[in-house]
Amino acid sequence: MRTMRVRAAAAGVIPLVLPGLLIAGCGGGHSEEEAVVSETALIPASRNPDEAEVTRLAYEFMEALSARDTERLDEILAPHARLFSIREGEEGADYRVRTREEFLEGLAEGGPEFMERIWEPVVELRGRIGMVWAPYDFHVNGELTHCGIDVLAFLKMEGGWKVTSITYNMERDDCPVSPLGNPEG
């Protein structure tokens, strides 16, 4: 189990422990603002249960993605979800669109170990639609390969909130330092 050090950087931020993840400790020489946690992230406190649920699902999506947990991702994604990516290159923008099935099949095929992390999500909700916009970083075999912005669109359906689309850009240069710190600890 990987652990990382996180800091509560802003007022109104609470640590969230996702299912199966536990706080590893808050003592042992750590300040009150710092805790060692296991693959968890800081989620803004919310009085709106839908906002809290959409935010939790965005973080849970990243956890499942990093674990290649296609069963959990299948539960989070809406039946006709799509993934859109853009990568800027010397010859212009490279756009890619994948269906839900292509995405899940690609993950199931295996490959190198990777981890994607989001932080400081901005959440917008109106009725049965929602959106999470968050910076991310992406690591392959422990090395930072790129960063960017993830935008997850949600729809409240029978059975709860589902991700209907994910749009993200891929930036290889000038990645900001994550407030989550080094994923290797």
N, C-alpha and C. Protein backbone atom coordinates (compact mmCIF):
# COMPACT_ATOMS: atom_id res chain seq x y z
N MET A 1 0.85 -1.17 0.00
CA MET A 1 0.00 0.00 0.00
C MET A 1 0.89 1.23 0.00
N ARG A 2 0.68 2.14 -0.98
CA ARG A 2 1.46 3.36 -1.04
C ARG A 2 0.89 4.38 -0.06
N THR A 3 1.79 5.16 0.53
CA THR A 3 1.33 6.25 1.39
C THR A 3 1.93 7.53 0.87
N MET A 4 1.28 8.63 1.17
CA MET A 4 1.81 9.92 0.78
C MET A 4 1.51 10.91 1.89
N ARG A 5 2.27 11.97 1.92
CA ARG A 5 2.09 13.03 2.89
C ARG A 5 1.25 14.12 2.23
N VAL A 6 0.19 14.56 2.89
CA VAL A 6 -0.64 15.63 2.36
C VAL A 6 -0.78 16.72 3.40
N ARG A 7 -1.00 17.92 2.97
CA ARG A 7 -1.15 19.06 3.87
C ARG A 7 -2.51 19.70 3.60
N ALA A 8 -3.18 20.07 4.67
CA ALA A 8 -4.42 20.83 4.54
C ALA A 8 -4.03 22.26 4.22
N ALA A 9 -4.13 22.63 2.95
CA ALA A 9 -3.60 23.90 2.49
C ALA A 9 -4.59 25.05 2.61
N ALA A 10 -5.86 24.75 2.79
CA ALA A 10 -6.85 25.83 2.84
C ALA A 10 -7.91 25.52 3.88
N ALA A 11 -8.50 26.56 4.41
CA ALA A 11 -9.58 26.38 5.37
C ALA A 11 -10.75 25.70 4.68
N GLY A 12 -11.51 24.93 5.42
CA GLY A 12 -12.67 24.28 4.84
C GLY A 12 -12.34 23.02 4.08
N VAL A 13 -11.15 22.48 4.28
CA VAL A 13 -10.75 21.26 3.60
C VAL A 13 -10.68 20.15 4.63
N ILE A 14 -11.26 19.01 4.30
CA ILE A 14 -11.26 17.88 5.21
C ILE A 14 -10.67 16.67 4.51
N PRO A 15 -9.94 15.82 5.24
CA PRO A 15 -9.45 14.61 4.59
C PRO A 15 -10.61 13.64 4.37
N LEU A 16 -10.62 12.99 3.23
CA LEU A 16 -11.64 11.98 2.93
C LEU A 16 -10.95 10.65 2.82
N VAL A 17 -11.45 9.66 3.52
CA VAL A 17 -10.91 8.32 3.40
C VAL A 17 -11.90 7.52 2.58
N LEU A 18 -11.46 7.12 1.40
CA LEU A 18 -12.32 6.37 0.50
C LEU A 18 -12.45 4.93 0.98
N PRO A 19 -13.48 4.21 0.52
CA PRO A 19 -13.65 2.83 0.95
C PRO A 19 -12.37 2.02 0.76
N GLY A 20 -11.99 1.31 1.79
CA GLY A 20 -10.79 0.47 1.73
C GLY A 20 -9.50 1.21 2.03
N LEU A 21 -9.58 2.51 2.26
CA LEU A 21 -8.39 3.29 2.53
C LEU A 21 -8.47 3.84 3.95
N LEU A 22 -7.37 3.82 4.65
CA LEU A 22 -7.37 4.22 6.05
C LEU A 22 -6.32 5.29 6.27
N ILE A 23 -6.58 6.16 7.25
CA ILE A 23 -5.54 7.11 7.66
C ILE A 23 -4.46 6.30 8.36
N ALA A 24 -3.22 6.47 7.91
CA ALA A 24 -2.13 5.67 8.44
C ALA A 24 -1.61 6.23 9.75
N GLY A 25 -1.81 7.51 10.02
CA GLY A 25 -1.36 8.07 11.29
C GLY A 25 -1.32 9.57 11.23
N CYS A 26 -1.52 10.18 12.37
CA CYS A 26 -1.50 11.64 12.44
C CYS A 26 -0.43 12.12 13.41
N GLY A 27 0.23 11.22 14.08
CA GLY A 27 1.26 11.62 15.03
C GLY A 27 2.63 11.38 14.45
N GLY A 28 3.53 10.96 15.30
CA GLY A 28 4.85 10.58 14.85
C GLY A 28 5.65 11.70 14.24
N GLY A 29 5.57 12.90 14.81
CA GLY A 29 6.39 13.99 14.32
C GLY A 29 5.74 14.82 13.24
N HIS A 30 4.52 14.57 12.90
CA HIS A 30 3.84 15.35 11.88
C HIS A 30 3.10 16.51 12.55
N SER A 31 3.07 17.65 11.87
CA SER A 31 2.37 18.80 12.43
C SER A 31 0.87 18.54 12.39
N GLU A 32 0.11 19.42 13.06
CA GLU A 32 -1.34 19.28 13.06
C GLU A 32 -1.92 19.42 11.67
N GLU A 33 -1.23 20.15 10.79
CA GLU A 33 -1.73 20.38 9.44
C GLU A 33 -1.33 19.28 8.48
N GLU A 34 -0.57 18.30 8.95
CA GLU A 34 -0.05 17.28 8.06
C GLU A 34 -0.40 15.91 8.61
N ALA A 35 -0.78 15.02 7.73
CA ALA A 35 -1.07 13.65 8.14
C ALA A 35 -0.54 12.71 7.06
N VAL A 36 -0.11 11.56 7.46
CA VAL A 36 0.28 10.56 6.48
C VAL A 36 -0.96 9.75 6.18
N VAL A 37 -1.32 9.70 4.91
CA VAL A 37 -2.53 8.99 4.52
C VAL A 37 -2.20 8.02 3.41
N SER A 38 -3.07 7.07 3.24
CA SER A 38 -2.89 6.06 2.23
C SER A 38 -3.76 6.37 1.03
N GLU A 39 -3.12 6.83 -0.08
CA GLU A 39 -3.83 7.09 -1.32
C GLU A 39 -5.13 7.85 -1.13
N THR A 40 -5.14 8.84 -0.30
CA THR A 40 -6.35 9.62 -0.09
C THR A 40 -6.08 11.04 -0.53
N ALA A 41 -7.11 11.84 -0.65
CA ALA A 41 -6.96 13.19 -1.14
C ALA A 41 -7.78 14.13 -0.27
N LEU A 42 -7.53 15.40 -0.43
CA LEU A 42 -8.28 16.39 0.32
C LEU A 42 -9.47 16.84 -0.50
N ILE A 43 -10.63 16.82 0.10
CA ILE A 43 -11.86 17.19 -0.57
C ILE A 43 -12.48 18.35 0.17
N PRO A 44 -12.87 19.41 -0.55
CA PRO A 44 -13.48 20.55 0.13
C PRO A 44 -14.75 20.12 0.87
N ALA A 45 -14.91 20.65 2.08
CA ALA A 45 -16.12 20.37 2.85
C ALA A 45 -17.32 20.95 2.11
N SER A 46 -18.43 20.26 2.14
CA SER A 46 -19.63 20.72 1.45
C SER A 46 -20.86 20.41 2.28
N ARG A 47 -21.79 21.34 2.25
CA ARG A 47 -23.06 21.11 2.92
C ARG A 47 -24.06 20.46 1.97
N ASN A 48 -23.73 20.41 0.70
CA ASN A 48 -24.60 19.85 -0.31
C ASN A 48 -24.23 18.38 -0.53
N PRO A 49 -25.12 17.44 -0.23
CA PRO A 49 -24.77 16.03 -0.39
C PRO A 49 -24.48 15.63 -1.83
N ASP A 50 -25.13 16.25 -2.81
CA ASP A 50 -24.83 15.93 -4.21
C ASP A 50 -23.43 16.39 -4.58
N GLU A 51 -23.03 17.57 -4.12
CA GLU A 51 -21.68 18.06 -4.39
C GLU A 51 -20.64 17.13 -3.76
N ALA A 52 -20.90 16.71 -2.54
CA ALA A 52 -19.98 15.78 -1.87
C ALA A 52 -19.91 14.45 -2.63
N GLU A 53 -21.03 13.96 -3.11
CA GLU A 53 -21.05 12.68 -3.83
C GLU A 53 -20.32 12.77 -5.15
N VAL A 54 -20.54 13.83 -5.91
CA VAL A 54 -19.86 14.00 -7.20
C VAL A 54 -18.35 14.11 -6.98
N THR A 55 -17.95 14.86 -5.97
CA THR A 55 -16.53 15.00 -5.66
C THR A 55 -15.93 13.66 -5.25
N ARG A 56 -16.63 12.94 -4.39
CA ARG A 56 -16.15 11.62 -3.95
C ARG A 56 -15.99 10.69 -5.15
N LEU A 57 -16.95 10.71 -6.06
CA LEU A 57 -16.87 9.84 -7.24
C LEU A 57 -15.71 10.22 -8.16
N ALA A 58 -15.40 11.50 -8.26
CA ALA A 58 -14.26 11.91 -9.08
C ALA A 58 -12.96 11.33 -8.51
N TYR A 59 -12.79 11.43 -7.18
CA TYR A 59 -11.60 10.85 -6.55
C TYR A 59 -11.62 9.32 -6.65
N GLU A 60 -12.78 8.73 -6.47
CA GLU A 60 -12.88 7.28 -6.56
C GLU A 60 -12.58 6.79 -7.97
N PHE A 61 -12.98 7.57 -8.97
CA PHE A 61 -12.66 7.22 -10.35
C PHE A 61 -11.14 7.15 -10.53
N MET A 62 -10.42 8.13 -10.00
CA MET A 62 -8.95 8.15 -10.14
C MET A 62 -8.32 6.98 -9.41
N GLU A 63 -8.84 6.65 -8.23
CA GLU A 63 -8.33 5.49 -7.48
C GLU A 63 -8.54 4.20 -8.29
N ALA A 64 -9.74 4.03 -8.84
CA ALA A 64 -10.06 2.82 -9.61
C ALA A 64 -9.23 2.78 -10.89
N LEU A 65 -9.05 3.93 -11.54
CA LEU A 65 -8.24 4.01 -12.75
C LEU A 65 -6.82 3.56 -12.45
N SER A 66 -6.23 4.11 -11.39
CA SER A 66 -4.85 3.78 -11.03
C SER A 66 -4.69 2.32 -10.64
N ALA A 67 -5.75 1.69 -10.14
CA ALA A 67 -5.72 0.27 -9.77
C ALA A 67 -6.16 -0.63 -10.93
N ARG A 68 -6.49 -0.03 -12.08
CA ARG A 68 -7.03 -0.78 -13.22
C ARG A 68 -8.26 -1.60 -12.80
N ASP A 69 -9.05 -1.04 -11.91
CA ASP A 69 -10.25 -1.70 -11.41
C ASP A 69 -11.41 -1.44 -12.37
N THR A 70 -11.47 -2.23 -13.43
CA THR A 70 -12.48 -2.02 -14.47
C THR A 70 -13.89 -2.30 -13.96
N GLU A 71 -14.03 -3.16 -12.97
CA GLU A 71 -15.36 -3.41 -12.41
C GLU A 71 -15.90 -2.16 -11.72
N ARG A 72 -15.07 -1.49 -10.93
CA ARG A 72 -15.53 -0.27 -10.26
C ARG A 72 -15.75 0.85 -11.27
N LEU A 73 -14.86 0.98 -12.24
CA LEU A 73 -15.04 2.00 -13.27
C LEU A 73 -16.33 1.77 -14.05
N ASP A 74 -16.64 0.52 -14.31
CA ASP A 74 -17.88 0.17 -15.00
C ASP A 74 -19.09 0.67 -14.23
N GLU A 75 -19.02 0.62 -12.91
CA GLU A 75 -20.12 1.09 -12.05
C GLU A 75 -20.22 2.62 -12.05
N ILE A 76 -19.10 3.30 -12.14
CA ILE A 76 -19.07 4.76 -12.07
C ILE A 76 -19.48 5.41 -13.40
N LEU A 77 -19.12 4.78 -14.51
CA LEU A 77 -19.38 5.35 -15.83
C LEU A 77 -20.82 5.11 -16.29
N ALA A 78 -21.41 6.11 -16.92
CA ALA A 78 -22.73 5.96 -17.54
C ALA A 78 -22.61 5.03 -18.74
N PRO A 79 -23.71 4.40 -19.14
CA PRO A 79 -23.66 3.42 -20.24
C PRO A 79 -23.04 3.93 -21.55
N HIS A 80 -23.22 5.18 -21.89
CA HIS A 80 -22.70 5.68 -23.17
C HIS A 80 -21.61 6.74 -22.96
N ALA A 81 -20.85 6.61 -21.89
CA ALA A 81 -19.80 7.58 -21.57
C ALA A 81 -18.73 7.62 -22.66
N ARG A 82 -18.09 8.77 -22.78
CA ARG A 82 -17.00 8.97 -23.73
C ARG A 82 -15.84 9.64 -23.03
N LEU A 83 -14.64 9.42 -23.54
CA LEU A 83 -13.44 10.06 -23.04
C LEU A 83 -12.81 10.83 -24.20
N PHE A 84 -12.49 12.10 -23.94
CA PHE A 84 -11.90 12.97 -24.93
C PHE A 84 -10.56 13.47 -24.40
N SER A 85 -9.51 13.37 -25.23
CA SER A 85 -8.21 13.89 -24.80
C SER A 85 -7.63 14.77 -25.89
N ILE A 86 -6.79 15.68 -25.44
CA ILE A 86 -6.08 16.56 -26.37
C ILE A 86 -4.64 16.67 -25.90
N ARG A 87 -3.74 16.53 -26.86
CA ARG A 87 -2.32 16.68 -26.58
C ARG A 87 -1.76 17.65 -27.61
N GLU A 88 -1.15 18.71 -27.13
CA GLU A 88 -0.53 19.69 -28.01
C GLU A 88 0.83 19.17 -28.44
N GLY A 89 1.11 19.24 -29.72
CA GLY A 89 2.40 18.80 -30.24
C GLY A 89 2.97 19.84 -31.18
N GLU A 90 4.12 19.55 -31.72
CA GLU A 90 4.77 20.49 -32.63
C GLU A 90 3.93 20.73 -33.88
N GLU A 91 3.14 19.75 -34.26
CA GLU A 91 2.32 19.86 -35.47
C GLU A 91 0.87 20.22 -35.15
N GLY A 92 0.61 20.70 -33.95
CA GLY A 92 -0.74 21.09 -33.57
C GLY A 92 -1.35 20.13 -32.57
N ALA A 93 -2.66 20.23 -32.44
CA ALA A 93 -3.38 19.44 -31.45
C ALA A 93 -3.70 18.04 -31.97
N ASP A 94 -3.53 17.06 -31.08
CA ASP A 94 -3.88 15.68 -31.38
C ASP A 94 -5.08 15.33 -30.49
N TYR A 95 -6.24 15.13 -31.12
CA TYR A 95 -7.46 14.82 -30.39
C TYR A 95 -7.72 13.32 -30.45
N ARG A 96 -8.27 12.79 -29.37
CA ARG A 96 -8.62 11.36 -29.32
C ARG A 96 -9.96 11.21 -28.60
N VAL A 97 -10.81 10.37 -29.15
CA VAL A 97 -12.10 10.08 -28.53
C VAL A 97 -12.18 8.57 -28.35
N ARG A 98 -12.58 8.14 -27.15
CA ARG A 98 -12.76 6.71 -26.88
C ARG A 98 -14.13 6.48 -26.28
N THR A 99 -14.70 5.36 -26.64
CA THR A 99 -15.95 4.96 -26.00
C THR A 99 -15.63 4.37 -24.64
N ARG A 100 -16.65 4.23 -23.87
CA ARG A 100 -16.54 3.59 -22.55
C ARG A 100 -15.92 2.20 -22.69
N GLU A 101 -16.41 1.43 -23.69
CA GLU A 101 -15.93 0.07 -23.89
C GLU A 101 -14.46 0.05 -24.29
N GLU A 102 -14.04 0.94 -25.20
CA GLU A 102 -12.63 1.01 -25.60
C GLU A 102 -11.75 1.35 -24.41
N PHE A 103 -12.19 2.27 -23.60
CA PHE A 103 -11.45 2.67 -22.42
C PHE A 103 -11.27 1.50 -21.46
N LEU A 104 -12.37 0.81 -21.12
CA LEU A 104 -12.30 -0.30 -20.16
C LEU A 104 -11.50 -1.47 -20.72
N GLU A 105 -11.66 -1.78 -22.00
CA GLU A 105 -10.89 -2.87 -22.61
C GLU A 105 -9.40 -2.55 -22.61
N GLY A 106 -9.04 -1.30 -22.89
CA GLY A 106 -7.64 -0.90 -22.88
C GLY A 106 -7.01 -1.06 -21.50
N LEU A 107 -7.73 -0.70 -20.47
CA LEU A 107 -7.23 -0.87 -19.11
C LEU A 107 -7.06 -2.34 -18.76
N ALA A 108 -8.03 -3.15 -19.17
CA ALA A 108 -8.00 -4.58 -18.84
C ALA A 108 -6.83 -5.29 -19.51
N GLU A 109 -6.32 -4.75 -20.61
CA GLU A 109 -5.20 -5.37 -21.32
C GLU A 109 -3.91 -5.34 -20.51
N GLY A 110 -3.85 -4.49 -19.51
CA GLY A 110 -2.65 -4.40 -18.69
C GLY A 110 -1.69 -3.35 -19.21
N GLY A 111 -0.48 -3.39 -18.70
CA GLY A 111 0.53 -2.40 -19.07
C GLY A 111 1.32 -2.00 -17.85
N PRO A 112 2.08 -0.92 -17.99
CA PRO A 112 2.91 -0.50 -16.85
C PRO A 112 2.05 0.01 -15.69
N GLU A 113 2.65 0.02 -14.51
CA GLU A 113 1.97 0.58 -13.33
C GLU A 113 1.88 2.09 -13.50
N PHE A 114 0.71 2.65 -13.23
CA PHE A 114 0.55 4.09 -13.31
C PHE A 114 -0.36 4.59 -12.20
N MET A 115 -0.33 5.91 -12.01
CA MET A 115 -1.17 6.54 -11.01
C MET A 115 -1.55 7.93 -11.51
N GLU A 116 -2.84 8.24 -11.42
CA GLU A 116 -3.32 9.59 -11.72
C GLU A 116 -3.94 10.16 -10.46
N ARG A 117 -3.57 11.42 -10.16
CA ARG A 117 -4.08 12.08 -8.95
C ARG A 117 -4.69 13.42 -9.33
N ILE A 118 -5.81 13.75 -8.70
CA ILE A 118 -6.40 15.07 -8.87
C ILE A 118 -6.37 15.80 -7.53
N TRP A 119 -6.48 17.12 -7.59
CA TRP A 119 -6.54 17.92 -6.37
C TRP A 119 -7.29 19.22 -6.66
N GLU A 120 -7.70 19.88 -5.59
CA GLU A 120 -8.40 21.16 -5.66
C GLU A 120 -9.53 21.18 -6.68
N PRO A 121 -10.46 20.24 -6.58
CA PRO A 121 -11.54 20.19 -7.57
C PRO A 121 -12.49 21.39 -7.45
N VAL A 122 -12.93 21.84 -8.60
CA VAL A 122 -13.98 22.85 -8.68
C VAL A 122 -15.23 22.09 -9.12
N VAL A 123 -16.30 22.20 -8.34
CA VAL A 123 -17.52 21.44 -8.61
C VAL A 123 -18.65 22.40 -8.93
N GLU A 124 -19.36 22.12 -10.00
CA GLU A 124 -20.55 22.88 -10.37
C GLU A 124 -21.71 21.90 -10.51
N LEU A 125 -22.85 22.27 -9.94
CA LEU A 125 -24.05 21.43 -10.03
C LEU A 125 -25.25 22.30 -10.36
N ARG A 126 -26.15 21.74 -11.12
CA ARG A 126 -27.45 22.37 -11.34
C ARG A 126 -28.43 21.25 -11.67
N GLY A 127 -29.33 21.01 -10.73
CA GLY A 127 -30.30 19.94 -10.92
C GLY A 127 -29.61 18.59 -11.02
N ARG A 128 -29.82 17.92 -12.14
CA ARG A 128 -29.27 16.58 -12.34
C ARG A 128 -27.97 16.55 -13.15
N ILE A 129 -27.36 17.73 -13.39
CA ILE A 129 -26.08 17.73 -14.09
C ILE A 129 -25.00 18.27 -13.16
N GLY A 130 -23.80 17.77 -13.33
CA GLY A 130 -22.69 18.21 -12.51
C GLY A 130 -21.39 18.14 -13.29
N MET A 131 -20.38 18.84 -12.78
CA MET A 131 -19.09 18.89 -13.42
C MET A 131 -18.01 19.05 -12.35
N VAL A 132 -16.92 18.31 -12.52
CA VAL A 132 -15.75 18.47 -11.67
C VAL A 132 -14.58 18.84 -12.59
N TRP A 133 -13.92 19.94 -12.28
CA TRP A 133 -12.74 20.43 -13.01
C TRP A 133 -11.59 20.39 -12.02
N ALA A 134 -10.51 19.67 -12.35
CA ALA A 134 -9.41 19.54 -11.39
C ALA A 134 -8.07 19.36 -12.09
N PRO A 135 -7.02 19.97 -11.57
CA PRO A 135 -5.68 19.67 -12.06
C PRO A 135 -5.33 18.22 -11.72
N TYR A 136 -4.47 17.62 -12.54
CA TYR A 136 -4.03 16.25 -12.26
C TYR A 136 -2.56 16.09 -12.62
N ASP A 137 -1.96 15.05 -12.06
CA ASP A 137 -0.66 14.61 -12.53
C ASP A 137 -0.73 13.11 -12.78
N PHE A 138 0.14 12.64 -13.68
CA PHE A 138 0.10 11.25 -14.11
C PHE A 138 1.51 10.68 -14.02
N HIS A 139 1.64 9.56 -13.32
CA HIS A 139 2.94 8.93 -13.09
C HIS A 139 2.93 7.52 -13.66
N VAL A 140 3.98 7.14 -14.37
CA VAL A 140 4.16 5.78 -14.88
C VAL A 140 5.41 5.22 -14.24
N ASN A 141 5.26 4.06 -13.61
CA ASN A 141 6.36 3.42 -12.89
C ASN A 141 7.05 4.41 -11.95
N GLY A 142 6.24 5.24 -11.28
CA GLY A 142 6.76 6.16 -10.29
C GLY A 142 7.30 7.47 -10.83
N GLU A 143 7.34 7.64 -12.15
CA GLU A 143 7.89 8.85 -12.75
C GLU A 143 6.78 9.71 -13.34
N LEU A 144 6.84 11.03 -13.08
CA LEU A 144 5.87 11.96 -13.64
C LEU A 144 6.04 11.99 -15.16
N THR A 145 4.96 11.72 -15.90
CA THR A 145 5.02 11.75 -17.36
C THR A 145 4.28 12.94 -17.95
N HIS A 146 3.21 13.36 -17.29
CA HIS A 146 2.47 14.53 -17.78
C HIS A 146 1.49 15.00 -16.71
N CYS A 147 0.85 16.11 -17.02
CA CYS A 147 -0.14 16.70 -16.12
C CYS A 147 -1.19 17.37 -16.98
N GLY A 148 -2.13 18.03 -16.35
CA GLY A 148 -3.15 18.75 -17.11
C GLY A 148 -4.38 19.00 -16.27
N ILE A 149 -5.51 19.13 -16.95
CA ILE A 149 -6.80 19.34 -16.32
C ILE A 149 -7.72 18.20 -16.71
N ASP A 150 -8.40 17.64 -15.72
CA ASP A 150 -9.46 16.65 -15.94
C ASP A 150 -10.80 17.36 -15.75
N VAL A 151 -11.72 17.13 -16.67
CA VAL A 151 -13.09 17.63 -16.54
C VAL A 151 -14.02 16.42 -16.63
N LEU A 152 -14.67 16.13 -15.52
CA LEU A 152 -15.61 15.00 -15.48
C LEU A 152 -17.03 15.56 -15.47
N ALA A 153 -17.84 15.14 -16.44
CA ALA A 153 -19.25 15.54 -16.48
C ALA A 153 -20.08 14.43 -15.86
N PHE A 154 -21.07 14.81 -15.05
CA PHE A 154 -21.92 13.86 -14.33
C PHE A 154 -23.37 14.08 -14.68
N LEU A 155 -24.13 13.02 -14.59
CA LEU A 155 -25.58 13.06 -14.73
C LEU A 155 -26.18 12.24 -13.60
N LYS A 156 -27.17 12.79 -12.91
CA LYS A 156 -27.83 12.04 -11.84
C LYS A 156 -28.91 11.19 -12.49
N MET A 157 -28.71 9.88 -12.47
CA MET A 157 -29.60 8.92 -13.11
C MET A 157 -30.24 8.05 -12.05
N GLU A 158 -31.08 7.13 -12.47
CA GLU A 158 -31.57 6.13 -11.51
C GLU A 158 -30.35 5.40 -10.98
N GLY A 159 -30.25 5.27 -9.69
CA GLY A 159 -29.09 4.62 -9.11
C GLY A 159 -28.01 5.59 -8.70
N GLY A 160 -28.17 6.88 -8.98
CA GLY A 160 -27.21 7.87 -8.52
C GLY A 160 -26.45 8.56 -9.63
N TRP A 161 -25.40 9.27 -9.22
CA TRP A 161 -24.58 10.04 -10.15
C TRP A 161 -23.69 9.10 -10.97
N LYS A 162 -23.57 9.39 -12.27
CA LYS A 162 -22.71 8.63 -13.19
C LYS A 162 -21.86 9.61 -14.00
N VAL A 163 -20.64 9.21 -14.33
CA VAL A 163 -19.77 10.00 -15.20
C VAL A 163 -20.22 9.77 -16.64
N THR A 164 -20.59 10.86 -17.33
CA THR A 164 -21.02 10.74 -18.72
C THR A 164 -19.90 11.04 -19.70
N SER A 165 -18.93 11.86 -19.28
CA SER A 165 -17.77 12.12 -20.13
C SER A 165 -16.61 12.60 -19.28
N ILE A 166 -15.43 12.35 -19.82
CA ILE A 166 -14.20 12.86 -19.22
C ILE A 166 -13.43 13.51 -20.35
N THR A 167 -13.06 14.75 -20.14
CA THR A 167 -12.25 15.48 -21.11
C THR A 167 -10.99 15.91 -20.38
N TYR A 168 -9.83 15.69 -21.01
CA TYR A 168 -8.59 16.08 -20.36
C TYR A 168 -7.55 16.48 -21.40
N ASN A 169 -6.66 17.37 -20.97
CA ASN A 169 -5.53 17.72 -21.80
C ASN A 169 -4.28 17.08 -21.22
N MET A 170 -3.26 16.93 -22.05
CA MET A 170 -2.01 16.30 -21.63
C MET A 170 -0.87 17.28 -21.88
N GLU A 171 -0.23 17.70 -20.80
CA GLU A 171 0.89 18.64 -20.88
C GLU A 171 2.14 17.94 -20.37
N ARG A 172 3.17 17.92 -21.17
CA ARG A 172 4.40 17.23 -20.77
C ARG A 172 5.42 18.16 -20.12
N ASP A 173 5.27 19.45 -20.35
CA ASP A 173 6.25 20.42 -19.83
C ASP A 173 5.60 21.32 -18.79
N ASP A 174 6.43 21.85 -17.90
CA ASP A 174 6.00 22.85 -16.92
C ASP A 174 4.84 22.38 -16.04
N CYS A 175 4.89 21.13 -15.61
CA CYS A 175 3.85 20.63 -14.71
C CYS A 175 4.03 21.27 -13.33
N PRO A 176 2.94 21.80 -12.76
CA PRO A 176 3.06 22.38 -11.42
C PRO A 176 3.31 21.30 -10.38
N VAL A 177 3.92 21.69 -9.30
CA VAL A 177 4.15 20.76 -8.20
C VAL A 177 2.81 20.50 -7.52
N SER A 178 2.47 19.25 -7.38
CA SER A 178 1.19 18.88 -6.75
C SER A 178 1.23 19.17 -5.26
N PRO A 179 0.14 19.71 -4.72
CA PRO A 179 0.07 19.87 -3.26
C PRO A 179 0.00 18.53 -2.53
N LEU A 180 -0.21 17.45 -3.27
CA LEU A 180 -0.23 16.11 -2.69
C LEU A 180 1.17 15.58 -2.44
N GLY A 181 2.17 16.28 -2.95
CA GLY A 181 3.55 15.86 -2.74
C GLY A 181 3.97 14.76 -3.69
N ASN A 182 5.13 14.22 -3.41
CA ASN A 182 5.69 13.13 -4.21
C ASN A 182 4.90 11.86 -3.92
N PRO A 183 4.40 11.18 -4.95
CA PRO A 183 3.60 9.98 -4.69
C PRO A 183 4.38 8.84 -4.04
N GLU A 184 5.67 8.88 -4.12
CA GLU A 184 6.49 7.83 -3.52
C GLU A 184 6.80 8.11 -2.05
N GLY A 185 6.31 9.27 -1.55
CA GLY A 185 6.53 9.60 -0.14
C GLY A 185 7.70 10.46 0.01
